[in-house]
C-alpha atoms as a PDB file:
ATOM      1  CA  GLN A   1       0.000   0.000   0.000  1.00  0.00           C
ATOM      2  CA  VAL A   2       1.174   3.498  -0.852  1.00  0.00           C
ATOM      3  CA  GLN A   3       0.020   6.756   0.666  1.00  0.00           C
ATOM      4  CA  VAL A   4       0.063   9.899  -1.448  1.00  0.00           C
ATOM      5  CA  VAL A   5      -0.238  13.423  -0.063  1.00  0.00           C
ATOM      6  CA  GLU A   6      -0.174  16.593  -2.143  1.00  0.00           C
ATOM      7  CA  SER A   7       0.630  20.079  -0.936  1.00  0.00           C
ATOM      8  CA  GLY A   8       1.589  23.471  -2.241  1.00  0.00           C
ATOM      9  CA  GLY A   9      -1.580  24.669  -3.917  1.00  0.00           C
ATOM     10  CA  GLY A  10      -3.063  28.090  -3.396  1.00  0.00           C
ATOM     11  CA  LEU A  11      -4.096  31.362  -4.964  1.00  0.00           C
ATOM     12  CA  VAL A  12      -1.573  32.827  -7.381  1.00  0.00           C
ATOM     13  CA  GLN A  13      -1.667  35.812  -9.686  1.00  0.00           C
ATOM     14  CA  PRO A  14      -1.322  35.301 -13.432  1.00  0.00           C
ATOM     15  CA  GLY A  15       2.332  35.094 -14.400  1.00  0.00           C
ATOM     16  CA  GLY A  16       3.358  33.729 -11.038  1.00  0.00           C
ATOM     17  CA  SER A  17       4.918  30.408 -10.164  1.00  0.00           C
ATOM     18  CA  LEU A  18       4.027  27.567  -7.878  1.00  0.00           C
ATOM     19  CA  ARG A  19       5.648  24.331  -6.796  1.00  0.00           C
ATOM     20  CA  LEU A  20       3.434  21.437  -5.859  1.00  0.00           C
ATOM     21  CA  SER A  21       4.746  18.593  -3.746  1.00  0.00           C
ATOM     22  CA  CYS A  22       3.690  14.962  -3.695  1.00  0.00           C
ATOM     23  CA  ALA A  23       4.936  12.971  -0.730  1.00  0.00           C
ATOM     24  CA  THR A  24       4.695   9.206  -0.855  1.00  0.00           C
ATOM     25  CA  SER A  25       5.011   6.708   1.948  1.00  0.00           C
ATOM     26  CA  GLY A  26       4.397   3.043   2.548  1.00  0.00           C
ATOM     27  CA  SER A  27       5.505   0.512  -0.050  1.00  0.00           C
ATOM     28  CA  ILE A  28       7.376   3.083  -2.085  1.00  0.00           C
ATOM     29  CA  ASP A  29       9.716   0.514  -3.610  1.00  0.00           C
ATOM     30  CA  SER A  30       6.741  -0.777  -5.562  1.00  0.00           C
ATOM     31  CA  ILE A  31       6.166   2.574  -7.295  1.00  0.00           C
ATOM     32  CA  SER A  32       6.901   2.445 -11.021  1.00  0.00           C
ATOM     33  CA  ALA A  33       5.993   6.024 -11.799  1.00  0.00           C
ATOM     34  CA  THR A  34       4.510   9.090 -10.162  1.00  0.00           C
ATOM     35  CA  GLY A  35       2.430  11.607 -11.983  1.00  0.00           C
ATOM     36  CA  TRP A  36       0.309  14.696 -11.807  1.00  0.00           C
ATOM     37  CA  TYR A  37      -3.172  15.103 -13.185  1.00  0.00           C
ATOM     38  CA  ARG A  38      -5.391  18.118 -12.991  1.00  0.00           C
ATOM     39  CA  GLN A  39      -9.132  18.596 -13.110  1.00  0.00           C
ATOM     40  CA  PRO A  40     -10.621  22.001 -13.851  1.00  0.00           C
ATOM     41  CA  ARG A  41     -14.114  22.629 -12.586  1.00  0.00           C
ATOM     42  CA  ALA A  42     -16.750  20.781 -14.634  1.00  0.00           C
ATOM     43  CA  LYS A  43     -14.107  19.175 -16.815  1.00  0.00           C
ATOM     44  CA  GLU A  44     -12.451  15.789 -16.980  1.00  0.00           C
ATOM     45  CA  ARG A  45      -9.234  14.961 -15.239  1.00  0.00           C
ATOM     46  CA  GLU A  46      -6.243  15.262 -17.555  1.00  0.00           C
ATOM     47  CA  LEU A  47      -2.654  14.123 -17.364  1.00  0.00           C
ATOM     48  CA  VAL A  48      -0.038  16.813 -16.818  1.00  0.00           C
ATOM     49  CA  ALA A  49       3.272  15.001 -16.327  1.00  0.00           C
ATOM     50  CA  LEU A  50       4.853  11.719 -15.290  1.00  0.00           C
ATOM     51  CA  ILE A  51       8.192  10.721 -13.867  1.00  0.00           C
ATOM     52  CA  SER A  52       9.382   7.142 -13.657  1.00  0.00           C
ATOM     53  CA  SER A  53      11.249   5.600 -10.771  1.00  0.00           C
ATOM     54  CA  GLY A  54      14.335   5.922 -12.943  1.00  0.00           C
ATOM     55  CA  GLY A  55      13.786   9.616 -13.527  1.00  0.00           C
ATOM     56  CA  ARG A  56      12.425   9.595 -17.058  1.00  0.00           C
ATOM     57  CA  THR A  57       9.808  12.272 -17.626  1.00  0.00           C
ATOM     58  CA  ALA A  58       6.865  12.727 -19.937  1.00  0.00           C
ATOM     59  CA  TYR A  59       4.553  15.685 -20.384  1.00  0.00           C
ATOM     60  CA  ALA A  60       1.196  16.336 -21.927  1.00  0.00           C
ATOM     61  CA  ASP A  61       1.516  18.584 -24.962  1.00  0.00           C
ATOM     62  CA  SER A  62      -0.332  21.312 -23.092  1.00  0.00           C
ATOM     63  CA  ALA A  63       2.202  21.147 -20.253  1.00  0.00           C
ATOM     64  CA  LYS A  64       5.416  21.378 -22.252  1.00  0.00           C
ATOM     65  CA  GLY A  65       7.384  24.515 -21.554  1.00  0.00           C
ATOM     66  CA  ARG A  66       5.798  25.773 -18.321  1.00  0.00           C
ATOM     67  CA  PHE A  67       5.609  22.609 -16.228  1.00  0.00           C
ATOM     68  CA  THR A  68       8.554  20.716 -14.789  1.00  0.00           C
ATOM     69  CA  ILE A  69       8.274  17.464 -12.901  1.00  0.00           C
ATOM     70  CA  SER A  70      11.134  16.318 -10.709  1.00  0.00           C
ATOM     71  CA  ARG A  71      11.809  14.006  -7.804  1.00  0.00           C
ATOM     72  CA  ASP A  72      13.826  13.910  -4.618  1.00  0.00           C
ATOM     73  CA  ASN A  73      14.354  10.256  -3.818  1.00  0.00           C
ATOM     74  CA  ALA A  74      15.779  11.026  -0.398  1.00  0.00           C
ATOM     75  CA  LYS A  75      12.497  12.682   0.561  1.00  0.00           C
ATOM     76  CA  ASN A  76      10.232  10.325  -1.393  1.00  0.00           C
ATOM     77  CA  THR A  77       8.729  13.411  -2.935  1.00  0.00           C
ATOM     78  CA  VAL A  78       7.837  14.398  -6.467  1.00  0.00           C
ATOM     79  CA  TYR A  79       7.461  18.047  -7.414  1.00  0.00           C
ATOM     80  CA  LEU A  80       5.565  19.877 -10.111  1.00  0.00           C
ATOM     81  CA  GLN A  81       6.940  23.321 -10.859  1.00  0.00           C
ATOM     82  CA  ILE A  82       4.501  25.529 -12.740  1.00  0.00           C
ATOM     83  CA  ASP A  83       5.731  28.793 -14.204  1.00  0.00           C
ATOM     84  CA  SER A  84       3.960  31.655 -15.964  1.00  0.00           C
ATOM     85  CA  LEU A  85       0.660  30.566 -14.487  1.00  0.00           C
ATOM     86  CA  GLU A  86      -2.460  31.304 -16.473  1.00  0.00           C
ATOM     87  CA  PRO A  87      -6.093  31.423 -15.346  1.00  0.00           C
ATOM     88  CA  GLU A  88      -6.628  28.281 -17.436  1.00  0.00           C
ATOM     89  CA  ASP A  89      -4.311  26.437 -15.054  1.00  0.00           C
ATOM     90  CA  THR A  90      -6.912  26.757 -12.322  1.00  0.00           C
ATOM     91  CA  ALA A  91      -7.787  23.232 -11.268  1.00  0.00           C
ATOM     92  CA  VAL A  92      -7.482  20.634  -8.568  1.00  0.00           C
ATOM     93  CA  TYR A  93      -4.116  18.986  -9.034  1.00  0.00           C
ATOM     94  CA  TYR A  94      -3.874  15.322  -8.139  1.00  0.00           C
ATOM     95  CA  CYS A  95      -0.793  13.222  -7.629  1.00  0.00           C
ATOM     96  CA  TYR A  96      -0.815   9.525  -8.213  1.00  0.00           C
ATOM     97  CA  ALA A  97       1.646   6.695  -7.814  1.00  0.00           C
ATOM     98  CA  ALA A  98       1.489   3.714 -10.127  1.00  0.00           C
ATOM     99  CA  ASP A  99       2.614   0.172  -9.423  1.00  0.00           C
ATOM    100  CA  TYR A 100       2.707  -1.269 -12.921  1.00  0.00           C
ATOM    101  CA  LEU A 101       3.647  -4.745 -11.741  1.00  0.00           C
ATOM    102  CA  ALA A 102       0.582  -5.052  -9.553  1.00  0.00           C
ATOM    103  CA  ALA A 103      -1.580  -2.870 -11.804  1.00  0.00           C
ATOM    104  CA  LYS A 104      -2.417  -0.561  -8.903  1.00  0.00           C
ATOM    105  CA  GLU A 105      -2.728   3.196  -8.659  1.00  0.00           C
ATOM    106  CA  TYR A 106      -2.731   5.286  -5.538  1.00  0.00           C
ATOM    107  CA  TRP A 107      -4.200   8.781  -5.563  1.00  0.00           C
ATOM    108  CA  GLY A 108      -3.918  11.743  -3.279  1.00  0.00           C
ATOM    109  CA  GLN A 109      -6.857  13.931  -2.327  1.00  0.00           C
ATOM    110  CA  GLY A 110      -5.759  16.801  -4.515  1.00  0.00           C
ATOM    111  CA  THR A 111      -4.607  20.346  -3.989  1.00  0.00           C
ATOM    112  CA  GLN A 112      -6.422  23.379  -5.372  1.00  0.00           C
ATOM    113  CA  VAL A 113      -4.564  25.810  -7.596  1.00  0.00           C
ATOM    114  CA  THR A 114      -6.361  29.037  -8.408  1.00  0.00           C
ATOM    115  CA  VAL A 115      -4.854  31.566 -10.775  1.00  0.00           C
ATOM    116  CA  SER A 116      -6.575  34.899 -10.509  1.00  0.00           C
ATOM    117  CA  SER A 117      -5.819  38.568 -10.112  1.00  0.00           C
END
């Protein structure tokens, strides 16, 4: 079992930056990849970025350029840096950890990001 806890959301002005954190605990050795999704109000959840246990990254086309996913293995934490925030980035951001071998996914409860002046 893996526990996932997000933090770092909040209210930010357009053009600002934010770093979201995703802390994992439990059976972390089973994690194959960790990723971020986001869900704007009244819209479907969409993938933002992924990082594998080996450090390989992948981004949604809409996230390339302003979003950076990274990991600190010593802290069992994955980060999502978002720069040049736009109102369209307003959403609940969810972190998830995937165990591909066991075909399991573990989700956090989400952190709200609101971009507004």
